[in-house]
């Protein structure tokens, strides 16, 4: 079998899934961040026994979604500043008067 530039050992659809450590290395984050994304349902995975694997197609999907989400949105026109509110002072309470006429000496 002769390999050309367009062919490879693995077919296009057979892209290896990522382990948590590999994906964390690719994205430059911690393993716990990848696990957090999985637990929140933002990133899907599958298990092989105790191993957790993330499909390459899922990685591409997530990267495309976050790329569009992080794109700067057009700046909205600034809203007018609210008028300052005047806060009234609390009323002073009168001191409690004690009637001393009932006190036994």
PDB file of N, CA and C in Angstrom:
ATOM      1  N   UNK A   1       0.839  -1.166   0.000  1.00  0.00           N
ATOM      2  CA  UNK A   1       0.000   0.000   0.000  1.00  0.00           C
ATOM      3  C   UNK A   1       0.889   1.235   0.000  1.00  0.00           C
ATOM      4  N   UNK A   2       0.600   2.151  -0.892  1.00  0.00           N
ATOM      5  CA  UNK A   2       1.387   3.360  -1.032  1.00  0.00           C
ATOM      6  C   UNK A   2       0.589   4.526  -0.451  1.00  0.00           C
ATOM      7  N   UNK A   3       1.194   5.257   0.524  1.00  0.00           N
ATOM      8  CA  UNK A   3       0.509   6.391   1.154  1.00  0.00           C
ATOM      9  C   UNK A   3       0.788   7.660   0.372  1.00  0.00           C
ATOM     10  N   UNK A   4      -0.227   8.417   0.097  1.00  0.00           N
ATOM     11  CA  UNK A   4      -0.080   9.714  -0.543  1.00  0.00           C
ATOM     12  C   UNK A   4      -0.322  10.796   0.493  1.00  0.00           C
ATOM     13  N   UNK A   5      -0.189  12.063   0.084  1.00  0.00           N
ATOM     14  CA  UNK A   5      -0.397  13.170   1.013  1.00  0.00           C
ATOM     15  C   UNK A   5      -1.822  13.207   1.553  1.00  0.00           C
ATOM     16  N   UNK A   6      -2.797  12.840   0.746  1.00  0.00           N
ATOM     17  CA  UNK A   6      -4.189  12.926   1.182  1.00  0.00           C
ATOM     18  C   UNK A   6      -4.603  11.760   2.077  1.00  0.00           C
ATOM     19  N   UNK A   7      -3.843  10.683   2.073  1.00  0.00           N
ATOM     20  CA  UNK A   7      -4.216   9.545   2.907  1.00  0.00           C
ATOM     21  C   UNK A   7      -3.399   9.557   4.196  1.00  0.00           C
ATOM     22  N   UNK A   8      -3.888   8.882   5.180  1.00  0.00           N
ATOM     23  CA  UNK A   8      -3.174   8.751   6.449  1.00  0.00           C
ATOM     24  C   UNK A   8      -3.432   7.358   6.989  1.00  0.00           C
ATOM     25  N   UNK A   9      -2.811   7.054   8.073  1.00  0.00           N
ATOM     26  CA  UNK A   9      -2.969   5.725   8.661  1.00  0.00           C
ATOM     27  C   UNK A   9      -4.399   5.550   9.166  1.00  0.00           C
ATOM     28  N   UNK A  10      -4.956   6.592   9.780  1.00  0.00           N
ATOM     29  CA  UNK A  10      -6.323   6.532  10.290  1.00  0.00           C
ATOM     30  C   UNK A  10      -7.260   7.260   9.331  1.00  0.00           C
ATOM     31  N   UNK A  11      -8.420   6.703   9.066  1.00  0.00           N
ATOM     32  CA  UNK A  11      -9.391   7.424   8.238  1.00  0.00           C
ATOM     33  C   UNK A  11      -9.825   8.712   8.932  1.00  0.00           C
ATOM     34  N   UNK A  12     -10.392   9.654   8.182  1.00  0.00           N
ATOM     35  CA  UNK A  12     -10.806  10.943   8.731  1.00  0.00           C
ATOM     36  C   UNK A  12     -11.795  10.798   9.880  1.00  0.00           C
ATOM     37  N   UNK A  13     -12.728   9.864   9.748  1.00  0.00           N
ATOM     38  CA  UNK A  13     -13.751   9.725  10.788  1.00  0.00           C
ATOM     39  C   UNK A  13     -13.220   9.032  12.032  1.00  0.00           C
ATOM     40  N   UNK A  14     -12.034   8.443  11.962  1.00  0.00           N
ATOM     41  CA  UNK A  14     -11.473   7.720  13.107  1.00  0.00           C
ATOM     42  C   UNK A  14     -10.442   8.596  13.813  1.00  0.00           C
ATOM     43  N   UNK A  15     -10.892   9.691  14.418  1.00  0.00           N
ATOM     44  CA  UNK A  15     -10.013  10.573  15.167  1.00  0.00           C
ATOM     45  C   UNK A  15     -10.060  10.127  16.621  1.00  0.00           C
ATOM     46  N   UNK A  16      -8.919  10.009  17.213  1.00  0.00           N
ATOM     47  CA  UNK A  16      -8.836   9.503  18.588  1.00  0.00           C
ATOM     48  C   UNK A  16      -9.472  10.463  19.589  1.00  0.00           C
ATOM     49  N   UNK A  17     -10.204   9.950  20.564  1.00  0.00           N
ATOM     50  CA  UNK A  17     -10.785  10.815  21.599  1.00  0.00           C
ATOM     51  C   UNK A  17      -9.702  11.302  22.559  1.00  0.00           C
ATOM     52  N   UNK A  18     -10.002  12.352  23.267  1.00  0.00           N
ATOM     53  CA  UNK A  18      -9.057  12.945  24.212  1.00  0.00           C
ATOM     54  C   UNK A  18      -9.311  12.414  25.619  1.00  0.00           C
ATOM     55  N   UNK A  19      -8.238  12.229  26.356  1.00  0.00           N
ATOM     56  CA  UNK A  19      -8.382  11.978  27.790  1.00  0.00           C
ATOM     57  C   UNK A  19      -8.531  13.339  28.455  1.00  0.00           C
ATOM     58  N   UNK A  20      -8.893  13.345  29.711  1.00  0.00           N
ATOM     59  CA  UNK A  20      -9.045  14.610  30.430  1.00  0.00           C
ATOM     60  C   UNK A  20      -7.721  15.354  30.472  1.00  0.00           C
ATOM     61  N   UNK A  21      -6.632  14.641  30.737  1.00  0.00           N
ATOM     62  CA  UNK A  21      -5.311  15.277  30.807  1.00  0.00           C
ATOM     63  C   UNK A  21      -4.890  15.844  29.449  1.00  0.00           C
ATOM     64  N   UNK A  22      -5.147  15.112  28.372  1.00  0.00           N
ATOM     65  CA  UNK A  22      -4.787  15.598  27.042  1.00  0.00           C
ATOM     66  C   UNK A  22      -5.560  16.854  26.674  1.00  0.00           C
ATOM     67  N   UNK A  23      -6.852  16.872  26.987  1.00  0.00           N
ATOM     68  CA  UNK A  23      -7.676  18.028  26.671  1.00  0.00           C
ATOM     69  C   UNK A  23      -7.283  19.228  27.532  1.00  0.00           C
ATOM     70  N   UNK A  24      -6.978  18.984  28.792  1.00  0.00           N
ATOM     71  CA  UNK A  24      -6.525  20.073  29.672  1.00  0.00           C
ATOM     72  C   UNK A  24      -5.214  20.658  29.144  1.00  0.00           C
ATOM     73  N   UNK A  25      -4.338  19.805  28.660  1.00  0.00           N
ATOM     74  CA  UNK A  25      -3.075  20.271  28.084  1.00  0.00           C
ATOM     75  C   UNK A  25      -3.334  21.080  26.810  1.00  0.00           C
ATOM     76  N   UNK A  26      -4.257  20.620  25.983  1.00  0.00           N
ATOM     77  CA  UNK A  26      -4.590  21.320  24.731  1.00  0.00           C
ATOM     78  C   UNK A  26      -5.153  22.709  25.011  1.00  0.00           C
ATOM     79  N   UNK A  27      -6.022  22.811  26.007  1.00  0.00           N
ATOM     80  CA  UNK A  27      -6.660  24.081  26.315  1.00  0.00           C
ATOM     81  C   UNK A  27      -5.887  24.910  27.327  1.00  0.00           C
ATOM     82  N   UNK A  28      -4.847  24.352  27.905  1.00  0.00           N
ATOM     83  CA  UNK A  28      -4.047  25.087  28.883  1.00  0.00           C
ATOM     84  C   UNK A  28      -4.778  25.360  30.173  1.00  0.00           C
ATOM     85  N   UNK A  29      -5.525  24.371  30.636  1.00  0.00           N
ATOM     86  CA  UNK A  29      -6.251  24.529  31.896  1.00  0.00           C
ATOM     87  C   UNK A  29      -6.010  23.286  32.760  1.00  0.00           C
ATOM     88  N   UNK A  30      -6.666  23.221  33.887  1.00  0.00           N
ATOM     89  CA  UNK A  30      -6.486  22.093  34.797  1.00  0.00           C
ATOM     90  C   UNK A  30      -7.440  20.950  34.460  1.00  0.00           C
ATOM     91  N   UNK A  31      -7.102  19.770  34.956  1.00  0.00           N
ATOM     92  CA  UNK A  31      -7.977  18.604  34.804  1.00  0.00           C
ATOM     93  C   UNK A  31      -9.335  18.864  35.455  1.00  0.00           C
ATOM     94  N   UNK A  32      -9.305  19.553  36.600  1.00  0.00           N
ATOM     95  CA  UNK A  32     -10.565  19.800  37.315  1.00  0.00           C
ATOM     96  C   UNK A  32     -11.495  20.712  36.526  1.00  0.00           C
ATOM     97  N   UNK A  33     -10.942  21.600  35.700  1.00  0.00           N
ATOM     98  CA  UNK A  33     -11.789  22.454  34.860  1.00  0.00           C
ATOM     99  C   UNK A  33     -12.513  21.621  33.814  1.00  0.00           C
ATOM    100  N   UNK A  34     -11.823  20.649  33.225  1.00  0.00           N
ATOM    101  CA  UNK A  34     -12.448  19.759  32.241  1.00  0.00           C
ATOM    102  C   UNK A  34     -13.542  18.947  32.913  1.00  0.00           C
ATOM    103  N   UNK A  35     -13.264  18.430  34.102  1.00  0.00           N
ATOM    104  CA  UNK A  35     -14.262  17.653  34.845  1.00  0.00           C
ATOM    105  C   UNK A  35     -15.478  18.524  35.188  1.00  0.00           C
ATOM    106  N   UNK A  36     -15.240  19.800  35.531  1.00  0.00           N
ATOM    107  CA  UNK A  36     -16.323  20.725  35.847  1.00  0.00           C
ATOM    108  C   UNK A  36     -17.215  20.934  34.619  1.00  0.00           C
ATOM    109  N   UNK A  37     -16.613  21.106  33.439  1.00  0.00           N
ATOM    110  CA  UNK A  37     -17.395  21.279  32.210  1.00  0.00           C
ATOM    111  C   UNK A  37     -18.232  20.042  31.916  1.00  0.00           C
ATOM    112  N   UNK A  38     -17.671  18.869  32.182  1.00  0.00           N
ATOM    113  CA  UNK A  38     -18.401  17.610  31.976  1.00  0.00           C
ATOM    114  C   UNK A  38     -19.569  17.525  32.955  1.00  0.00           C
ATOM    115  N   UNK A  39     -19.309  17.825  34.227  1.00  0.00           N
ATOM    116  CA  UNK A  39     -20.359  17.738  35.255  1.00  0.00           C
ATOM    117  C   UNK A  39     -21.479  18.744  35.017  1.00  0.00           C
ATOM    118  N   UNK A  40     -21.157  19.901  34.447  1.00  0.00           N
ATOM    119  CA  UNK A  40     -22.164  20.916  34.158  1.00  0.00           C
ATOM    120  C   UNK A  40     -22.946  20.603  32.886  1.00  0.00           C
ATOM    121  N   UNK A  41     -22.507  19.585  32.132  1.00  0.00           N
ATOM    122  CA  UNK A  41     -23.195  19.212  30.906  1.00  0.00           C
ATOM    123  C   UNK A  41     -22.793  20.041  29.695  1.00  0.00           C
ATOM    124  N   UNK A  42     -21.757  20.861  29.824  1.00  0.00           N
ATOM    125  CA  UNK A  42     -21.297  21.680  28.708  1.00  0.00           C
ATOM    126  C   UNK A  42     -20.408  20.891  27.750  1.00  0.00           C
ATOM    127  N   UNK A  43     -19.858  19.799  28.226  1.00  0.00           N
ATOM    128  CA  UNK A  43     -18.949  18.967  27.438  1.00  0.00           C
ATOM    129  C   UNK A  43     -19.367  17.516  27.641  1.00  0.00           C
ATOM    130  N   UNK A  44     -19.638  16.805  26.543  1.00  0.00           N
ATOM    131  CA  UNK A  44     -20.067  15.410  26.685  1.00  0.00           C
ATOM    132  C   UNK A  44     -18.865  14.489  26.619  1.00  0.00           C
ATOM    133  N   UNK A  45     -18.999  13.359  27.247  1.00  0.00           N
ATOM    134  CA  UNK A  45     -17.917  12.384  27.280  1.00  0.00           C
ATOM    135  C   UNK A  45     -18.515  10.983  27.251  1.00  0.00           C
ATOM    136  N   UNK A  46     -17.645  10.013  27.168  1.00  0.00           N
ATOM    137  CA  UNK A  46     -18.067   8.624  27.313  1.00  0.00           C
ATOM    138  C   UNK A  46     -17.029   7.909  28.162  1.00  0.00           C
ATOM    139  N   UNK A  47     -17.422   6.761  28.691  1.00  0.00           N
ATOM    140  CA  UNK A  47     -16.529   6.004  29.577  1.00  0.00           C
ATOM    141  C   UNK A  47     -16.178   4.663  28.954  1.00  0.00           C
ATOM    142  N   UNK A  48     -14.952   4.290  29.172  1.00  0.00           N
ATOM    143  CA  UNK A  48     -14.479   2.949  28.838  1.00  0.00           C
ATOM    144  C   UNK A  48     -13.979   2.384  30.166  1.00  0.00           C
ATOM    145  N   UNK A  49     -14.837   1.651  30.835  1.00  0.00           N
ATOM    146  CA  UNK A  49     -14.497   1.203  32.185  1.00  0.00           C
ATOM    147  C   UNK A  49     -14.434   2.415  33.096  1.00  0.00           C
ATOM    148  N   UNK A  50     -13.264   2.663  33.683  1.00  0.00           N
ATOM    149  CA  UNK A  50     -13.099   3.831  34.545  1.00  0.00           C
ATOM    150  C   UNK A  50     -12.506   5.017  33.790  1.00  0.00           C
ATOM    151  N   UNK A  51     -12.106   4.819  32.540  1.00  0.00           N
ATOM    152  CA  UNK A  51     -11.508   5.894  31.753  1.00  0.00           C
ATOM    153  C   UNK A  51     -12.576   6.823  31.201  1.00  0.00           C
ATOM    154  N   UNK A  52     -12.307   8.104  31.244  1.00  0.00           N
ATOM    155  CA  UNK A  52     -13.218   9.104  30.679  1.00  0.00           C
ATOM    156  C   UNK A  52     -12.579   9.626  29.405  1.00  0.00           C
ATOM    157  N   UNK A  53     -13.342   9.623  28.329  1.00  0.00           N
ATOM    158  CA  UNK A  53     -12.837  10.093  27.042  1.00  0.00           C
ATOM    159  C   UNK A  53     -13.815  11.107  26.456  1.00  0.00           C
ATOM    160  N   UNK A  54     -13.251  12.130  25.807  1.00  0.00           N
ATOM    161  CA  UNK A  54     -14.050  13.161  25.153  1.00  0.00           C
ATOM    162  C   UNK A  54     -13.830  13.034  23.656  1.00  0.00           C
ATOM    163  N   UNK A  55     -14.896  12.814  22.857  1.00  0.00           N
ATOM    164  CA  UNK A  55     -14.723  12.674  21.414  1.00  0.00           C
ATOM    165  C   UNK A  55     -14.119  13.933  20.792  1.00  0.00           C
ATOM    166  N   UNK A  56     -13.285  13.758  19.768  1.00  0.00           N
ATOM    167  CA  UNK A  56     -12.659  14.897  19.091  1.00  0.00           C
ATOM    168  C   UNK A  56     -13.719  15.807  18.484  1.00  0.00           C
ATOM    169  N   UNK A  57     -14.801  15.225  17.984  1.00  0.00           N
ATOM    170  CA  UNK A  57     -15.869  16.054  17.405  1.00  0.00           C
ATOM    171  C   UNK A  57     -16.503  16.950  18.466  1.00  0.00           C
ATOM    172  N   UNK A  58     -16.601  16.465  19.696  1.00  0.00           N
ATOM    173  CA  UNK A  58     -17.150  17.255  20.798  1.00  0.00           C
ATOM    174  C   UNK A  58     -16.202  18.396  21.154  1.00  0.00           C
ATOM    175  N   UNK A  59     -14.902  18.133  21.089  1.00  0.00           N
ATOM    176  CA  UNK A  59     -13.910  19.168  21.371  1.00  0.00           C
ATOM    177  C   UNK A  59     -14.021  20.289  20.341  1.00  0.00           C
ATOM    178  N   UNK A  60     -14.143  19.913  19.063  1.00  0.00           N
ATOM    179  CA  UNK A  60     -14.281  20.899  17.989  1.00  0.00           C
ATOM    180  C   UNK A  60     -15.564  21.696  18.172  1.00  0.00           C
ATOM    181  N   UNK A  61     -16.663  21.019  18.507  1.00  0.00           N
ATOM    182  CA  UNK A  61     -17.938  21.694  18.715  1.00  0.00           C
ATOM    183  C   UNK A  61     -17.832  22.702  19.849  1.00  0.00           C
ATOM    184  N   UNK A  62     -17.235  22.290  20.956  1.00  0.00           N
ATOM    185  CA  UNK A  62     -17.112  23.166  22.119  1.00  0.00           C
ATOM    186  C   UNK A  62     -16.223  24.362  21.794  1.00  0.00           C
ATOM    187  N   UNK A  63     -15.140  24.145  21.083  1.00  0.00           N
ATOM    188  CA  UNK A  63     -14.245  25.235  20.720  1.00  0.00           C
ATOM    189  C   UNK A  63     -14.944  26.246  19.812  1.00  0.00           C
ATOM    190  N   UNK A  64     -15.766  25.759  18.884  1.00  0.00           N
ATOM    191  CA  UNK A  64     -16.492  26.669  17.997  1.00  0.00           C
ATOM    192  C   UNK A  64     -17.538  27.469  18.758  1.00  0.00           C
ATOM    193  N   UNK A  65     -18.239  26.821  19.673  1.00  0.00           N
ATOM    194  CA  UNK A  65     -19.265  27.502  20.461  1.00  0.00           C
ATOM    195  C   UNK A  65     -18.628  28.570  21.342  1.00  0.00           C
ATOM    196  N   UNK A  66     -17.533  28.239  22.023  1.00  0.00           N
ATOM    197  CA  UNK A  66     -16.898  29.210  22.910  1.00  0.00           C
ATOM    198  C   UNK A  66     -16.225  30.313  22.122  1.00  0.00           C
ATOM    199  N   UNK A  67     -15.751  30.033  20.920  1.00  0.00           N
ATOM    200  CA  UNK A  67     -15.146  31.076  20.098  1.00  0.00           C
ATOM    201  C   UNK A  67     -16.185  32.121  19.742  1.00  0.00           C
ATOM    202  N   UNK A  68     -17.375  31.683  19.326  1.00  0.00           N
ATOM    203  CA  UNK A  68     -18.435  32.627  18.992  1.00  0.00           C
ATOM    204  C   UNK A  68     -18.950  33.335  20.233  1.00  0.00           C
ATOM    205  N   UNK A  69     -19.008  32.639  21.350  1.00  0.00           N
ATOM    206  CA  UNK A  69     -19.513  33.244  22.582  1.00  0.00           C
ATOM    207  C   UNK A  69     -18.544  34.303  23.101  1.00  0.00           C
ATOM    208  N   UNK A  70     -17.238  34.114  22.869  1.00  0.00           N
ATOM    209  CA  UNK A  70     -16.252  35.057  23.371  1.00  0.00           C
ATOM    210  C   UNK A  70     -16.033  36.225  22.417  1.00  0.00           C
ATOM    211  N   UNK A  71     -16.593  36.154  21.232  1.00  0.00           N
ATOM    212  CA  UNK A  71     -16.415  37.243  20.279  1.00  0.00           C
ATOM    213  C   UNK A  71     -17.027  38.510  20.858  1.00  0.00           C
ATOM    214  N   UNK A  72     -16.331  39.630  20.740  1.00  0.00           N
ATOM    215  CA  UNK A  72     -16.874  40.851  21.339  1.00  0.00           C
ATOM    216  C   UNK A  72     -18.165  41.277  20.665  1.00  0.00           C
ATOM    217  N   UNK A  73     -19.138  41.553  21.469  1.00  0.00           N
ATOM    218  CA  UNK A  73     -20.439  41.999  20.971  1.00  0.00           C
ATOM    219  C   UNK A  73     -20.354  43.493  20.681  1.00  0.00           C
ATOM    220  N   UNK A  74     -21.166  43.970  19.766  1.00  0.00           N
ATOM    221  CA  UNK A  74     -21.146  45.414  19.523  1.00  0.00           C
ATOM    222  C   UNK A  74     -21.528  46.156  20.793  1.00  0.00           C
ATOM    223  N   UNK A  75     -20.833  47.248  21.017  1.00  0.00           N
ATOM    224  CA  UNK A  75     -21.073  47.990  22.250  1.00  0.00           C
ATOM    225  C   UNK A  75     -22.430  48.671  22.209  1.00  0.00           C
ATOM    226  N   UNK A  76     -23.250  48.454  23.228  1.00  0.00           N
ATOM    227  CA  UNK A  76     -24.565  49.095  23.259  1.00  0.00           C
ATOM    228  C   UNK A  76     -24.405  50.582  23.567  1.00  0.00           C
ATOM    229  N   UNK A  77     -25.386  51.350  23.187  1.00  0.00           N
ATOM    230  CA  UNK A  77     -25.351  52.768  23.510  1.00  0.00           C
ATOM    231  C   UNK A  77     -25.517  52.913  25.013  1.00  0.00           C
ATOM    232  N   UNK A  78     -24.733  53.789  25.608  1.00  0.00           N
ATOM    233  CA  UNK A  78     -24.813  53.894  27.066  1.00  0.00           C
ATOM    234  C   UNK A  78     -26.162  54.457  27.507  1.00  0.00           C
ATOM    235  N   UNK A  79     -26.684  53.895  28.558  1.00  0.00           N
ATOM    236  CA  UNK A  79     -27.956  54.354  29.118  1.00  0.00           C
ATOM    237  C   UNK A  79     -27.692  55.623  29.915  1.00  0.00           C
ATOM    238  N   UNK A  80     -28.648  56.511  29.951  1.00  0.00           N
ATOM    239  CA  UNK A  80     -28.440  57.734  30.742  1.00  0.00           C
ATOM    240  C   UNK A  80     -28.306  57.378  32.217  1.00  0.00           C
ATOM    241  N   UNK A  81     -27.466  58.137  32.879  1.00  0.00           N
ATOM    242  CA  UNK A  81     -27.237  57.886  34.306  1.00  0.00           C
ATOM    243  C   UNK A  81     -28.508  58.229  35.080  1.00  0.00           C
ATOM    244  N   UNK A  82     -28.870  57.397  36.043  1.00  0.00           N
ATOM    245  CA  UNK A  82     -30.072  57.707  36.829  1.00  0.00           C
ATOM    246  C   UNK A  82     -29.838  58.949  37.687  1.00  0.00           C
ATOM    247  N   UNK A  83     -30.907  59.677  37.912  1.00  0.00           N
ATOM    248  CA  UNK A  83     -30.822  60.879  38.750  1.00  0.00           C
ATOM    249  C   UNK A  83     -30.488  60.462  40.174  1.00  0.00           C
ATOM    250  N   UNK A  84     -29.618  61.210  40.846  1.00  0.00           N
ATOM    251  CA  UNK A  84     -29.274  60.832  42.220  1.00  0.00           C
ATOM    252  C   UNK A  84     -30.498  60.922  43.122  1.00  0.00           C
ATOM    253  N   UNK A  85     -30.626  59.939  43.965  1.00  0.00           N
ATOM    254  CA  UNK A  85     -31.753  59.918  44.892  1.00  0.00           C
ATOM    255  C   UNK A  85     -31.359  60.586  46.196  1.00  0.00           C
ATOM    256  N   UNK A  86     -32.297  61.347  46.734  1.00  0.00           N
ATOM    257  CA  UNK A  86     -32.043  61.961  48.030  1.00  0.00           C
ATOM    258  C   UNK A  86     -32.565  61.019  49.101  1.00  0.00           C
ATOM    259  N   UNK A  87     -31.687  60.649  49.977  1.00  0.00           N
ATOM    260  CA  UNK A  87     -32.065  59.742  51.057  1.00  0.00           C
ATOM    261  C   UNK A  87     -32.286  60.574  52.311  1.00  0.00           C
ATOM    262  N   UNK A  88     -33.484  60.495  52.840  1.00  0.00           N
ATOM    263  CA  UNK A  88     -33.805  61.269  54.038  1.00  0.00           C
ATOM    264  C   UNK A  88     -33.180  60.621  55.258  1.00  0.00           C
ATOM    265  N   UNK A  89     -32.817  61.471  56.182  1.00  0.00           N
ATOM    266  CA  UNK A  89     -32.240  60.961  57.425  1.00  0.00           C
ATOM    267  C   UNK A  89     -33.341  60.342  58.273  1.00  0.00           C
ATOM    268  N   UNK A  90     -32.958  59.359  59.014  1.00  0.00           N
ATOM    269  CA  UNK A  90     -33.922  58.731  59.913  1.00  0.00           C
ATOM    270  C   UNK A  90     -34.278  59.709  61.019  1.00  0.00           C
ATOM    271  N   UNK A  91     -35.529  59.655  61.445  1.00  0.00           N
ATOM    272  CA  UNK A  91     -35.972  60.537  62.525  1.00  0.00           C
ATOM    273  C   UNK A  91     -35.363  60.062  63.832  1.00  0.00           C
ATOM    274  N   UNK A  92     -34.990  61.022  64.633  1.00  0.00           N
ATOM    275  CA  UNK A  92     -34.411  60.679  65.941  1.00  0.00           C
ATOM    276  C   UNK A  92     -35.524  60.266  66.892  1.00  0.00           C
ATOM    277  N   UNK A  93     -35.249  59.259  67.619  1.00  0.00           N
ATOM    278  CA  UNK A  93     -36.228  58.825  68.617  1.00  0.00           C
ATOM    279  C   UNK A  93     -36.005  59.614  69.899  1.00  0.00           C
ATOM    280  N   UNK A  94     -37.098  59.911  70.552  1.00  0.00           N
ATOM    281  CA  UNK A  94     -36.974  60.589  71.835  1.00  0.00           C
ATOM    282  C   UNK A  94     -36.492  59.597  72.886  1.00  0.00           C
ATOM    283  N   UNK A  95     -35.706  60.088  73.809  1.00  0.00           N
ATOM    284  CA  UNK A  95     -35.272  59.174  74.880  1.00  0.00           C
ATOM    285  C   UNK A  95     -36.468  58.743  75.730  1.00  0.00           C
ATOM    286  N   UNK A  96     -36.412  57.544  76.211  1.00  0.00           N
ATOM    287  CA  UNK A  96     -37.490  56.993  77.022  1.00  0.00           C
ATOM    288  C   UNK A  96     -37.468  57.661  78.390  1.00  0.00           C
ATOM    289  N   UNK A  97     -38.620  58.204  78.777  1.00  0.00           N
ATOM    290  CA  UNK A  97     -38.708  58.859  80.090  1.00  0.00           C
ATOM    291  C   UNK A  97     -39.205  57.862  81.116  1.00  0.00           C
ATOM    292  N   UNK A  98     -38.503  57.788  82.182  1.00  0.00           N
ATOM    293  CA  UNK A  98     -38.868  56.874  83.260  1.00  0.00           C
ATOM    294  C   UNK A  98     -39.501  57.694  84.383  1.00  0.00           C
ATOM    295  N   UNK A  99     -40.682  57.231  84.755  1.00  0.00           N
ATOM    296  CA  UNK A  99     -41.391  57.914  85.858  1.00  0.00           C
ATOM    297  C   UNK A  99     -40.818  57.367  87.164  1.00  0.00           C
ATOM    298  N   UNK A 100     -40.140  58.237  87.905  1.00  0.00           N
ATOM    299  CA  UNK A 100     -39.474  57.806  89.154  1.00  0.00           C
ATOM    300  C   UNK A 100     -40.385  57.913  90.360  1.00  0.00           C
ATOM    301  N   UNK A 101     -41.607  58.314  90.151  1.00  0.00           N
ATOM    302  CA  UNK A 101     -42.503  58.490  91.299  1.00  0.00           C
ATOM    303  C   UNK A 101     -42.935  57.138  91.889  1.00  0.00           C
ATOM    304  N   UNK A 102     -42.817  56.063  91.111  1.00  0.00           N
ATOM    305  CA  UNK A 102     -43.248  54.752  91.603  1.00  0.00           C
ATOM    306  C   UNK A 102     -42.095  53.953  92.200  1.00  0.00           C
ATOM    307  N   UNK A 103     -40.913  54.522  92.225  1.00  0.00           N
ATOM    308  CA  UNK A 103     -39.763  53.805  92.755  1.00  0.00           C
ATOM    309  C   UNK A 103     -39.806  53.862  94.271  1.00  0.00           C
ATOM    310  N   UNK A 104     -39.639  52.717  94.922  1.00  0.00           N
ATOM    311  CA  UNK A 104     -39.639  52.636  96.388  1.00  0.00           C
ATOM    312  C   UNK A 104     -38.230  52.962  96.869  1.00  0.00           C
ATOM    313  N   UNK A 105     -38.116  53.915  97.859  1.00  0.00           N
ATOM    314  CA  UNK A 105     -36.771  54.269  98.333  1.00  0.00           C
ATOM    315  C   UNK A 105     -36.132  53.205  99.179  1.00  0.00           C
TER     316      UNK A 105
END
